[in-house]
């Protein structure tokens, strides 16, 4: 018999992480209306794609990627509590993966 709470708990964990990244990022940037967190879910992991205005990309990445690394550290610490793997990709708003000059700032392990 499967646990009826498994799916809602997973969905709740994803929505909590999405809200966390949205709130932290909005506090960092000038154009908070452009902040959007897209969720890509796989069986064992979830990717949060953080979209920000082109003028705010530097604020989210920080000097030598320190701010982005800090966001990923917070995400990792919170995901331990929720027992689900999360990763963070930072994307300029208005860009897509199809674009040849797409700037997708992700840090892979």
PDB file of N, CA and C in Angstrom:
ATOM      1  N   UNK A   1       0.846  -1.182   0.000  1.00  0.00           N
ATOM      2  CA  UNK A   1       0.000   0.000   0.000  1.00  0.00           C
ATOM      3  C   UNK A   1       0.888   1.240   0.000  1.00  0.00           C
ATOM      4  N   UNK A   2       0.619   2.180  -0.875  1.00  0.00           N
ATOM      5  CA  UNK A   2       1.458   3.372  -0.981  1.00  0.00           C
ATOM      6  C   UNK A   2       1.002   4.443   0.003  1.00  0.00           C
ATOM      7  N   UNK A   3       1.918   5.319   0.310  1.00  0.00           N
ATOM      8  CA  UNK A   3       1.641   6.403   1.250  1.00  0.00           C
ATOM      9  C   UNK A   3       0.856   7.501   0.537  1.00  0.00           C
ATOM     10  N   UNK A   4      -0.376   7.806   0.950  1.00  0.00           N
ATOM     11  CA  UNK A   4      -1.178   8.822   0.262  1.00  0.00           C
ATOM     12  C   UNK A   4      -0.603  10.228   0.410  1.00  0.00           C
ATOM     13  N   UNK A   5       0.290  10.442   1.378  1.00  0.00           N
ATOM     14  CA  UNK A   5       0.871  11.765   1.589  1.00  0.00           C
ATOM     15  C   UNK A   5       2.142  11.998   0.779  1.00  0.00           C
ATOM     16  N   UNK A   6       2.636  11.000   0.069  1.00  0.00           N
ATOM     17  CA  UNK A   6       3.920  11.109  -0.632  1.00  0.00           C
ATOM     18  C   UNK A   6       3.894  12.190  -1.708  1.00  0.00           C
ATOM     19  N   UNK A   7       2.892  12.193  -2.557  1.00  0.00           N
ATOM     20  CA  UNK A   7       2.841  13.167  -3.646  1.00  0.00           C
ATOM     21  C   UNK A   7       2.615  14.582  -3.122  1.00  0.00           C
ATOM     22  N   UNK A   8       1.636  14.811  -2.242  1.00  0.00           N
ATOM     23  CA  UNK A   8       1.460  16.175  -1.732  1.00  0.00           C
ATOM     24  C   UNK A   8       2.697  16.694  -1.004  1.00  0.00           C
ATOM     25  N   UNK A   9       3.385  15.835  -0.235  1.00  0.00           N
ATOM     26  CA  UNK A   9       4.584  16.277   0.456  1.00  0.00           C
ATOM     27  C   UNK A   9       5.662  16.683  -0.529  1.00  0.00           C
ATOM     28  N   UNK A  10       5.806  15.913  -1.612  1.00  0.00           N
ATOM     29  CA  UNK A  10       6.791  16.235  -2.641  1.00  0.00           C
ATOM     30  C   UNK A  10       6.427  17.557  -3.313  1.00  0.00           C
ATOM     31  N   UNK A  11       5.148  17.722  -3.635  1.00  0.00           N
ATOM     32  CA  UNK A  11       4.700  18.975  -4.253  1.00  0.00           C
ATOM     33  C   UNK A  11       4.881  20.148  -3.305  1.00  0.00           C
ATOM     34  N   UNK A  12       4.620  19.916  -2.018  1.00  0.00           N
ATOM     35  CA  UNK A  12       4.786  20.980  -1.032  1.00  0.00           C
ATOM     36  C   UNK A  12       6.252  21.368  -0.904  1.00  0.00           C
ATOM     37  N   UNK A  13       7.141  20.373  -0.914  1.00  0.00           N
ATOM     38  CA  UNK A  13       8.575  20.642  -0.821  1.00  0.00           C
ATOM     39  C   UNK A  13       9.037  21.482  -2.006  1.00  0.00           C
ATOM     40  N   UNK A  14       8.578  21.134  -3.193  1.00  0.00           N
ATOM     41  CA  UNK A  14       8.962  21.879  -4.395  1.00  0.00           C
ATOM     42  C   UNK A  14       8.436  23.306  -4.332  1.00  0.00           C
ATOM     43  N   UNK A  15       7.179  23.476  -3.916  1.00  0.00           N
ATOM     44  CA  UNK A  15       6.621  24.834  -3.857  1.00  0.00           C
ATOM     45  C   UNK A  15       7.296  25.671  -2.769  1.00  0.00           C
ATOM     46  N   UNK A  16       7.703  25.034  -1.663  1.00  0.00           N
ATOM     47  CA  UNK A  16       8.420  25.768  -0.619  1.00  0.00           C
ATOM     48  C   UNK A  16       9.783  26.242  -1.112  1.00  0.00           C
ATOM     49  N   UNK A  17      10.496  25.392  -1.829  1.00  0.00           N
ATOM     50  CA  UNK A  17      11.812  25.765  -2.362  1.00  0.00           C
ATOM     51  C   UNK A  17      11.674  26.852  -3.426  1.00  0.00           C
ATOM     52  N   UNK A  18      10.638  26.746  -4.238  1.00  0.00           N
ATOM     53  CA  UNK A  18      10.379  27.756  -5.255  1.00  0.00           C
ATOM     54  C   UNK A  18      10.110  29.107  -4.590  1.00  0.00           C
ATOM     55  N   UNK A  19       9.302  29.119  -3.548  1.00  0.00           N
ATOM     56  CA  UNK A  19       8.998  30.351  -2.826  1.00  0.00           C
ATOM     57  C   UNK A  19      10.242  30.908  -2.134  1.00  0.00           C
ATOM     58  N   UNK A  20      11.064  30.034  -1.562  1.00  0.00           N
ATOM     59  CA  UNK A  20      12.291  30.465  -0.890  1.00  0.00           C
ATOM     60  C   UNK A  20      13.229  31.167  -1.866  1.00  0.00           C
ATOM     61  N   UNK A  21      13.486  30.546  -3.010  1.00  0.00           N
ATOM     62  CA  UNK A  21      14.390  31.141  -4.004  1.00  0.00           C
ATOM     63  C   UNK A  21      13.818  32.442  -4.566  1.00  0.00           C
ATOM     64  N   UNK A  22      12.503  32.488  -4.734  1.00  0.00           N
ATOM     65  CA  UNK A  22      11.866  33.707  -5.246  1.00  0.00           C
ATOM     66  C   UNK A  22      12.051  34.862  -4.267  1.00  0.00           C
ATOM     67  N   UNK A  23      11.784  34.622  -2.997  1.00  0.00           N
ATOM     68  CA  UNK A  23      11.876  35.686  -1.986  1.00  0.00           C
ATOM     69  C   UNK A  23      13.318  36.172  -1.800  1.00  0.00           C
ATOM     70  N   UNK A  24      14.253  35.263  -1.735  1.00  0.00           N
ATOM     71  CA  UNK A  24      15.657  35.662  -1.563  1.00  0.00           C
ATOM     72  C   UNK A  24      16.112  36.481  -2.766  1.00  0.00           C
ATOM     73  N   UNK A  25      15.785  36.022  -3.952  1.00  0.00           N
ATOM     74  CA  UNK A  25      16.219  36.716  -5.171  1.00  0.00           C
ATOM     75  C   UNK A  25      15.582  38.090  -5.285  1.00  0.00           C
ATOM     76  N   UNK A  26      14.312  38.196  -4.948  1.00  0.00           N
ATOM     77  CA  UNK A  26      13.638  39.506  -5.007  1.00  0.00           C
ATOM     78  C   UNK A  26      14.293  40.520  -4.078  1.00  0.00           C
ATOM     79  N   UNK A  27      14.855  40.046  -2.974  1.00  0.00           N
ATOM     80  CA  UNK A  27      15.542  40.943  -2.049  1.00  0.00           C
ATOM     81  C   UNK A  27      16.884  41.407  -2.612  1.00  0.00           C
ATOM     82  N   UNK A  28      17.455  40.672  -3.563  1.00  0.00           N
ATOM     83  CA  UNK A  28      18.771  40.996  -4.117  1.00  0.00           C
ATOM     84  C   UNK A  28      18.725  41.923  -5.330  1.00  0.00           C
ATOM     85  N   UNK A  29      17.654  41.885  -6.099  1.00  0.00           N
ATOM     86  CA  UNK A  29      17.622  42.559  -7.394  1.00  0.00           C
ATOM     87  C   UNK A  29      16.869  43.882  -7.352  1.00  0.00           C
ATOM     88  N   UNK A  30      17.044  44.680  -8.401  1.00  0.00           N
ATOM     89  CA  UNK A  30      16.317  45.943  -8.536  1.00  0.00           C
ATOM     90  C   UNK A  30      14.927  45.727  -9.139  1.00  0.00           C
ATOM     91  N   UNK A  31      14.845  44.864 -10.166  1.00  0.00           N
ATOM     92  CA  UNK A  31      13.583  44.602 -10.853  1.00  0.00           C
ATOM     93  C   UNK A  31      12.971  43.311 -10.309  1.00  0.00           C
ATOM     94  N   UNK A  32      12.320  43.419  -9.163  1.00  0.00           N
ATOM     95  CA  UNK A  32      11.780  42.221  -8.509  1.00  0.00           C
ATOM     96  C   UNK A  32      10.609  41.614  -9.281  1.00  0.00           C
ATOM     97  N   UNK A  33       9.951  42.413 -10.127  1.00  0.00           N
ATOM     98  CA  UNK A  33       8.836  41.885 -10.919  1.00  0.00           C
ATOM     99  C   UNK A  33       9.309  40.903 -11.988  1.00  0.00           C
ATOM    100  N   UNK A  34      10.557  40.995 -12.391  1.00  0.00           N
ATOM    101  CA  UNK A  34      11.095  40.112 -13.433  1.00  0.00           C
ATOM    102  C   UNK A  34      11.553  38.767 -12.877  1.00  0.00           C
ATOM    103  N   UNK A  35      11.579  38.623 -11.563  1.00  0.00           N
ATOM    104  CA  UNK A  35      12.039  37.372 -10.948  1.00  0.00           C
ATOM    105  C   UNK A  35      10.968  36.308 -11.120  1.00  0.00           C
ATOM    106  N   UNK A  36      11.411  35.171 -11.650  1.00  0.00           N
ATOM    107  CA  UNK A  36      10.504  34.039 -11.845  1.00  0.00           C
ATOM    108  C   UNK A  36      11.304  32.759 -11.637  1.00  0.00           C
ATOM    109  N   UNK A  37      10.736  31.808 -10.933  1.00  0.00           N
ATOM    110  CA  UNK A  37      11.398  30.526 -10.704  1.00  0.00           C
ATOM    111  C   UNK A  37      10.573  29.441 -11.385  1.00  0.00           C
ATOM    112  N   UNK A  38      11.178  28.831 -12.383  1.00  0.00           N
ATOM    113  CA  UNK A  38      10.545  27.749 -13.136  1.00  0.00           C
ATOM    114  C   UNK A  38      10.992  26.420 -12.520  1.00  0.00           C
ATOM    115  N   UNK A  39      10.077  25.472 -12.435  1.00  0.00           N
ATOM    116  CA  UNK A  39      10.379  24.179 -11.817  1.00  0.00           C
ATOM    117  C   UNK A  39      10.382  23.094 -12.890  1.00  0.00           C
ATOM    118  N   UNK A  40      11.495  22.344 -12.955  1.00  0.00           N
ATOM    119  CA  UNK A  40      11.604  21.190 -13.837  1.00  0.00           C
ATOM    120  C   UNK A  40      11.816  19.977 -12.945  1.00  0.00           C
ATOM    121  N   UNK A  41      10.828  19.079 -12.921  1.00  0.00           N
ATOM    122  CA  UNK A  41      10.880  17.957 -11.996  1.00  0.00           C
ATOM    123  C   UNK A  41      11.215  16.672 -12.724  1.00  0.00           C
ATOM    124  N   UNK A  42      12.117  15.926 -12.127  1.00  0.00           N
ATOM    125  CA  UNK A  42      12.493  14.594 -12.587  1.00  0.00           C
ATOM    126  C   UNK A  42      12.087  13.635 -11.477  1.00  0.00           C
ATOM    127  N   UNK A  43      12.297  12.344 -11.673  1.00  0.00           N
ATOM    128  CA  UNK A  43      11.918  11.384 -10.637  1.00  0.00           C
ATOM    129  C   UNK A  43      12.656  11.611  -9.328  1.00  0.00           C
ATOM    130  N   UNK A  44      13.958  11.825  -9.401  1.00  0.00           N
ATOM    131  CA  UNK A  44      14.753  11.907  -8.172  1.00  0.00           C
ATOM    132  C   UNK A  44      15.328  13.291  -7.892  1.00  0.00           C
ATOM    133  N   UNK A  45      15.096  14.247  -8.772  1.00  0.00           N
ATOM    134  CA  UNK A  45      15.666  15.581  -8.564  1.00  0.00           C
ATOM    135  C   UNK A  45      14.750  16.648  -9.161  1.00  0.00           C
ATOM    136  N   UNK A  46      14.953  17.860  -8.696  1.00  0.00           N
ATOM    137  CA  UNK A  46      14.196  19.005  -9.198  1.00  0.00           C
ATOM    138  C   UNK A  46      15.166  20.120  -9.537  1.00  0.00           C
ATOM    139  N   UNK A  47      15.002  20.700 -10.718  1.00  0.00           N
ATOM    140  CA  UNK A  47      15.822  21.831 -11.136  1.00  0.00           C
ATOM    141  C   UNK A  47      14.978  23.086 -11.018  1.00  0.00           C
ATOM    142  N   UNK A  48      15.506  24.075 -10.315  1.00  0.00           N
ATOM    143  CA  UNK A  48      14.859  25.377 -10.233  1.00  0.00           C
ATOM    144  C   UNK A  48      15.595  26.302 -11.185  1.00  0.00           C
ATOM    145  N   UNK A  49      14.888  26.839 -12.170  1.00  0.00           N
ATOM    146  CA  UNK A  49      15.490  27.763 -13.132  1.00  0.00           C
ATOM    147  C   UNK A  49      15.077  29.169 -12.722  1.00  0.00           C
ATOM    148  N   UNK A  50      16.058  29.934 -12.300  1.00  0.00           N
ATOM    149  CA  UNK A  50      15.824  31.280 -11.794  1.00  0.00           C
ATOM    150  C   UNK A  50      15.980  32.271 -12.939  1.00  0.00           C
ATOM    151  N   UNK A  51      14.906  32.961 -13.278  1.00  0.00           N
ATOM    152  CA  UNK A  51      14.905  33.954 -14.356  1.00  0.00           C
ATOM    153  C   UNK A  51      14.929  35.345 -13.727  1.00  0.00           C
ATOM    154  N   UNK A  52      15.869  36.179 -14.150  1.00  0.00           N
ATOM    155  CA  UNK A  52      15.965  37.561 -13.676  1.00  0.00           C
ATOM    156  C   UNK A  52      16.168  38.483 -14.869  1.00  0.00           C
ATOM    157  N   UNK A  53      15.951  39.762 -14.651  1.00  0.00           N
ATOM    158  CA  UNK A  53      16.160  40.751 -15.714  1.00  0.00           C
ATOM    159  C   UNK A  53      17.638  40.796 -16.091  1.00  0.00           C
ATOM    160  N   UNK A  54      17.941  41.082 -17.361  1.00  0.00           N
ATOM    161  CA  UNK A  54      19.347  41.156 -17.783  1.00  0.00           C
ATOM    162  C   UNK A  54      20.177  42.133 -16.953  1.00  0.00           C
ATOM    163  N   UNK A  55      19.564  43.205 -16.493  1.00  0.00           N
ATOM    164  CA  UNK A  55      20.302  44.191 -15.696  1.00  0.00           C
ATOM    165  C   UNK A  55      20.624  43.681 -14.287  1.00  0.00           C
ATOM    166  N   UNK A  56      19.946  42.637 -13.848  1.00  0.00           N
ATOM    167  CA  UNK A  56      20.142  42.108 -12.494  1.00  0.00           C
ATOM    168  C   UNK A  56      20.968  40.831 -12.445  1.00  0.00           C
ATOM    169  N   UNK A  57      21.387  40.332 -13.584  1.00  0.00           N
ATOM    170  CA  UNK A  57      22.102  39.055 -13.606  1.00  0.00           C
ATOM    171  C   UNK A  57      23.384  39.111 -12.776  1.00  0.00           C
ATOM    172  N   UNK A  58      24.075  40.235 -12.801  1.00  0.00           N
ATOM    173  CA  UNK A  58      25.303  40.390 -12.025  1.00  0.00           C
ATOM    174  C   UNK A  58      25.058  40.380 -10.529  1.00  0.00           C
ATOM    175  N   UNK A  59      23.929  40.923 -10.107  1.00  0.00           N
ATOM    176  CA  UNK A  59      23.606  40.936  -8.679  1.00  0.00           C
ATOM    177  C   UNK A  59      23.333  39.530  -8.157  1.00  0.00           C
ATOM    178  N   UNK A  60      22.735  38.697  -8.994  1.00  0.00           N
ATOM    179  CA  UNK A  60      22.396  37.340  -8.579  1.00  0.00           C
ATOM    180  C   UNK A  60      23.629  36.433  -8.612  1.00  0.00           C
ATOM    181  N   UNK A  61      24.518  36.685  -9.543  1.00  0.00           N
ATOM    182  CA  UNK A  61      25.727  35.858  -9.632  1.00  0.00           C
ATOM    183  C   UNK A  61      26.774  36.339  -8.636  1.00  0.00           C
ATOM    184  N   UNK A  62      26.951  37.642  -8.521  1.00  0.00           N
ATOM    185  CA  UNK A  62      27.907  38.196  -7.560  1.00  0.00           C
ATOM    186  C   UNK A  62      29.340  38.105  -8.048  1.00  0.00           C
ATOM    187  N   UNK A  63      30.245  38.708  -7.297  1.00  0.00           N
ATOM    188  CA  UNK A  63      31.662  38.673  -7.653  1.00  0.00           C
ATOM    189  C   UNK A  63      32.179  37.257  -7.555  1.00  0.00           C
ATOM    190  N   UNK A  64      32.771  36.796  -8.632  1.00  0.00           N
ATOM    191  CA  UNK A  64      33.324  35.444  -8.736  1.00  0.00           C
ATOM    192  C   UNK A  64      32.301  34.372  -8.404  1.00  0.00           C
ATOM    193  N   UNK A  65      31.023  34.666  -8.630  1.00  0.00           N
ATOM    194  CA  UNK A  65      29.964  33.684  -8.420  1.00  0.00           C
ATOM    195  C   UNK A  65      29.613  33.412  -6.975  1.00  0.00           C
ATOM    196  N   UNK A  66      30.035  34.299  -6.091  1.00  0.00           N
ATOM    197  CA  UNK A  66      29.809  34.051  -4.660  1.00  0.00           C
ATOM    198  C   UNK A  66      28.339  34.053  -4.270  1.00  0.00           C
ATOM    199  N   UNK A  67      27.565  34.979  -4.817  1.00  0.00           N
ATOM    200  CA  UNK A  67      26.140  35.041  -4.472  1.00  0.00           C
ATOM    201  C   UNK A  67      25.415  33.811  -5.009  1.00  0.00           C
ATOM    202  N   UNK A  68      25.712  33.423  -6.240  1.00  0.00           N
ATOM    203  CA  UNK A  68      25.100  32.220  -6.814  1.00  0.00           C
ATOM    204  C   UNK A  68      25.471  30.988  -5.999  1.00  0.00           C
ATOM    205  N   UNK A  69      26.712  30.906  -5.584  1.00  0.00           N
ATOM    206  CA  UNK A  69      27.159  29.777  -4.767  1.00  0.00           C
ATOM    207  C   UNK A  69      26.426  29.761  -3.431  1.00  0.00           C
ATOM    208  N   UNK A  70      26.214  30.943  -2.862  1.00  0.00           N
ATOM    209  CA  UNK A  70      25.479  31.031  -1.597  1.00  0.00           C
ATOM    210  C   UNK A  70      24.025  30.597  -1.764  1.00  0.00           C
ATOM    211  N   UNK A  71      23.404  31.003  -2.862  1.00  0.00           N
ATOM    212  CA  UNK A  71      22.034  30.571  -3.134  1.00  0.00           C
ATOM    213  C   UNK A  71      21.964  29.049  -3.239  1.00  0.00           C
ATOM    214  N   UNK A  72      22.944  28.467  -3.909  1.00  0.00           N
ATOM    215  CA  UNK A  72      22.980  27.007  -4.050  1.00  0.00           C
ATOM    216  C   UNK A  72      23.237  26.316  -2.711  1.00  0.00           C
ATOM    217  N   UNK A  73      24.026  26.942  -1.852  1.00  0.00           N
ATOM    218  CA  UNK A  73      24.280  26.383  -0.521  1.00  0.00           C
ATOM    219  C   UNK A  73      23.004  26.376   0.310  1.00  0.00           C
ATOM    220  N   UNK A  74      22.271  27.474   0.274  1.00  0.00           N
ATOM    221  CA  UNK A  74      20.990  27.554   0.988  1.00  0.00           C
ATOM    222  C   UNK A  74      20.025  26.507   0.443  1.00  0.00           C
ATOM    223  N   UNK A  75      19.966  26.393  -0.873  1.00  0.00           N
ATOM    224  CA  UNK A  75      19.106  25.416  -1.520  1.00  0.00           C
ATOM    225  C   UNK A  75      19.473  23.998  -1.092  1.00  0.00           C
ATOM    226  N   UNK A  76      20.763  23.714  -1.042  1.00  0.00           N
ATOM    227  CA  UNK A  76      21.236  22.391  -0.624  1.00  0.00           C
ATOM    228  C   UNK A  76      20.903  22.086   0.824  1.00  0.00           C
ATOM    229  N   UNK A  77      21.082  23.064   1.688  1.00  0.00           N
ATOM    230  CA  UNK A  77      20.786  22.868   3.105  1.00  0.00           C
ATOM    231  C   UNK A  77      19.290  22.637   3.325  1.00  0.00           C
ATOM    232  N   UNK A  78      18.467  23.412   2.659  1.00  0.00           N
ATOM    233  CA  UNK A  78      17.020  23.254   2.808  1.00  0.00           C
ATOM    234  C   UNK A  78      16.550  21.944   2.181  1.00  0.00           C
ATOM    235  N   UNK A  79      17.192  21.511   1.109  1.00  0.00           N
ATOM    236  CA  UNK A  79      16.774  20.270   0.458  1.00  0.00           C
ATOM    237  C   UNK A  79      17.107  19.045   1.306  1.00  0.00           C
ATOM    238  N   UNK A  80      18.144  19.148   2.150  1.00  0.00           N
ATOM    239  CA  UNK A  80      18.460  18.045   3.069  1.00  0.00           C
ATOM    240  C   UNK A  80      17.282  17.809   4.013  1.00  0.00           C
ATOM    241  N   UNK A  81      16.697  18.877   4.497  1.00  0.00           N
ATOM    242  CA  UNK A  81      15.559  18.770   5.400  1.00  0.00           C
ATOM    243  C   UNK A  81      14.363  18.151   4.688  1.00  0.00           C
ATOM    244  N   UNK A  82      14.167  18.512   3.422  1.00  0.00           N
ATOM    245  CA  UNK A  82      13.017  18.032   2.661  1.00  0.00           C
ATOM    246  C   UNK A  82      13.264  16.678   1.990  1.00  0.00           C
ATOM    247  N   UNK A  83      14.485  16.179   2.087  1.00  0.00           N
ATOM    248  CA  UNK A  83      14.885  14.893   1.527  1.00  0.00           C
ATOM    249  C   UNK A  83      14.577  14.786   0.037  1.00  0.00           C
ATOM    250  N   UNK A  84      14.976  15.810  -0.695  1.00  0.00           N
ATOM    251  CA  UNK A  84      14.813  15.828  -2.152  1.00  0.00           C
ATOM    252  C   UNK A  84      15.954  16.635  -2.738  1.00  0.00           C
ATOM    253  N   UNK A  85      16.507  16.180  -3.854  1.00  0.00           N
ATOM    254  CA  UNK A  85      17.618  16.884  -4.493  1.00  0.00           C
ATOM    255  C   UNK A  85      17.103  18.055  -5.317  1.00  0.00           C
ATOM    256  N   UNK A  86      17.740  19.202  -5.137  1.00  0.00           N
ATOM    257  CA  UNK A  86      17.416  20.397  -5.904  1.00  0.00           C
ATOM    258  C   UNK A  86      18.700  20.948  -6.503  1.00  0.00           C
ATOM    259  N   UNK A  87      18.587  21.527  -7.680  1.00  0.00           N
ATOM    260  CA  UNK A  87      19.708  22.261  -8.258  1.00  0.00           C
ATOM    261  C   UNK A  87      19.168  23.582  -8.795  1.00  0.00           C
ATOM    262  N   UNK A  88      20.064  24.545  -8.959  1.00  0.00           N
ATOM    263  CA  UNK A  88      19.664  25.893  -9.362  1.00  0.00           C
ATOM    264  C   UNK A  88      20.378  26.298 -10.638  1.00  0.00           C
ATOM    265  N   UNK A  89      19.606  26.717 -11.625  1.00  0.00           N
ATOM    266  CA  UNK A  89      20.132  27.308 -12.852  1.00  0.00           C
ATOM    267  C   UNK A  89      19.684  28.763 -12.873  1.00  0.00           C
ATOM    268  N   UNK A  90      20.586  29.651 -13.243  1.00  0.00           N
ATOM    269  CA  UNK A  90      20.267  31.077 -13.308  1.00  0.00           C
ATOM    270  C   UNK A  90      20.231  31.486 -14.775  1.00  0.00           C
ATOM    271  N   UNK A  91      19.097  32.063 -15.199  1.00  0.00           N
ATOM    272  CA  UNK A  91      18.881  32.402 -16.602  1.00  0.00           C
ATOM    273  C   UNK A  91      18.401  33.842 -16.700  1.00  0.00           C
ATOM    274  N   UNK A  92      18.897  34.572 -17.697  1.00  0.00           N
ATOM    275  CA  UNK A  92      18.378  35.918 -17.941  1.00  0.00           C
ATOM    276  C   UNK A  92      16.948  35.825 -18.431  1.00  0.00           C
ATOM    277  N   UNK A  93      16.069  36.678 -17.932  1.00  0.00           N
ATOM    278  CA  UNK A  93      14.678  36.702 -18.376  1.00  0.00           C
ATOM    279  C   UNK A  93      14.627  37.039 -19.863  1.00  0.00           C
ATOM    280  N   UNK A  94      13.729  36.397 -20.573  1.00  0.00           N
ATOM    281  CA  UNK A  94      13.591  36.648 -21.998  1.00  0.00           C
ATOM    282  C   UNK A  94      14.476  35.774 -22.858  1.00  0.00           C
ATOM    283  N   UNK A  95      15.349  35.014 -22.264  1.00  0.00           N
ATOM    284  CA  UNK A  95      16.209  34.102 -23.023  1.00  0.00           C
ATOM    285  C   UNK A  95      15.635  32.694 -22.949  1.00  0.00           C
ATOM    286  N   UNK A  96      15.874  31.921 -23.986  1.00  0.00           N
ATOM    287  CA  UNK A  96      15.446  30.524 -23.998  1.00  0.00           C
ATOM    288  C   UNK A  96      16.651  29.648 -24.293  1.00  0.00           C
ATOM    289  N   UNK A  97      16.504  28.360 -24.075  1.00  0.00           N
ATOM    290  CA  UNK A  97      17.595  27.426 -24.364  1.00  0.00           C
ATOM    291  C   UNK A  97      17.871  27.326 -25.850  1.00  0.00           C
ATOM    292  N   UNK A  98      16.872  27.673 -26.700  1.00  0.00           N
ATOM    293  CA  UNK A  98      17.035  27.576 -28.144  1.00  0.00           C
ATOM    294  C   UNK A  98      18.003  28.625 -28.672  1.00  0.00           C
ATOM    295  N   UNK A  99      18.113  29.736 -27.968  1.00  0.00           N
ATOM    296  CA  UNK A  99      18.947  30.846 -28.417  1.00  0.00           C
ATOM    297  C   UNK A  99      20.415  30.446 -28.459  1.00  0.00           C
ATOM    298  N   UNK A 100      21.094  30.811 -29.541  1.00  0.00           N
ATOM    299  CA  UNK A 100      22.507  30.479 -29.676  1.00  0.00           C
ATOM    300  C   UNK A 100      23.366  31.191 -28.657  1.00  0.00           C
ATOM    301  N   UNK A 101      22.953  32.390 -28.260  1.00  0.00           N
ATOM    302  CA  UNK A 101      23.758  33.140 -27.297  1.00  0.00           C
ATOM    303  C   UNK A 101      23.111  33.130 -25.911  1.00  0.00           C
ATOM    304  N   UNK A 102      22.335  32.098 -25.643  1.00  0.00           N
ATOM    305  CA  UNK A 102      21.670  31.975 -24.347  1.00  0.00           C
ATOM    306  C   UNK A 102      22.696  31.948 -23.226  1.00  0.00           C
ATOM    307  N   UNK A 103      22.445  32.725 -22.191  1.00  0.00           N
ATOM    308  CA  UNK A 103      23.346  32.768 -21.029  1.00  0.00           C
ATOM    309  C   UNK A 103      22.685  32.036 -19.898  1.00  0.00           C
ATOM    310  N   UNK A 104      23.064  30.800 -19.726  1.00  0.00           N
ATOM    311  CA  UNK A 104      22.529  29.964 -18.664  1.00  0.00           C
ATOM    312  C   UNK A 104      23.661  29.725 -17.696  1.00  0.00           C
ATOM    313  N   UNK A 105      23.556  30.243 -16.502  1.00  0.00           N
ATOM    314  CA  UNK A 105      24.635  30.190 -15.532  1.00  0.00           C
ATOM    315  C   UNK A 105      24.367  29.071 -14.545  1.00  0.00           C
ATOM    316  N   UNK A 106      24.844  27.899 -14.869  1.00  0.00           N
ATOM    317  CA  UNK A 106      24.644  26.783 -13.951  1.00  0.00           C
ATOM    318  C   UNK A 106      25.980  26.238 -13.530  1.00  0.00           C
ATOM    319  N   UNK A 107      26.004  25.736 -12.334  1.00  0.00           N
ATOM    320  CA  UNK A 107      27.228  25.170 -11.762  1.00  0.00           C
ATOM    321  C   UNK A 107      26.968  23.691 -11.562  1.00  0.00           C
ATOM    322  N   UNK A 108      27.691  22.885 -12.258  1.00  0.00           N
ATOM    323  CA  UNK A 108      27.489  21.428 -12.162  1.00  0.00           C
ATOM    324  C   UNK A 108      28.541  20.832 -11.243  1.00  0.00           C
ATOM    325  N   UNK A 109      28.131  19.829 -10.490  1.00  0.00           N
ATOM    326  CA  UNK A 109      29.050  19.131  -9.598  1.00  0.00           C
ATOM    327  C   UNK A 109      29.914  18.168 -10.365  1.00  0.00           C
TER     328      UNK A 109
END
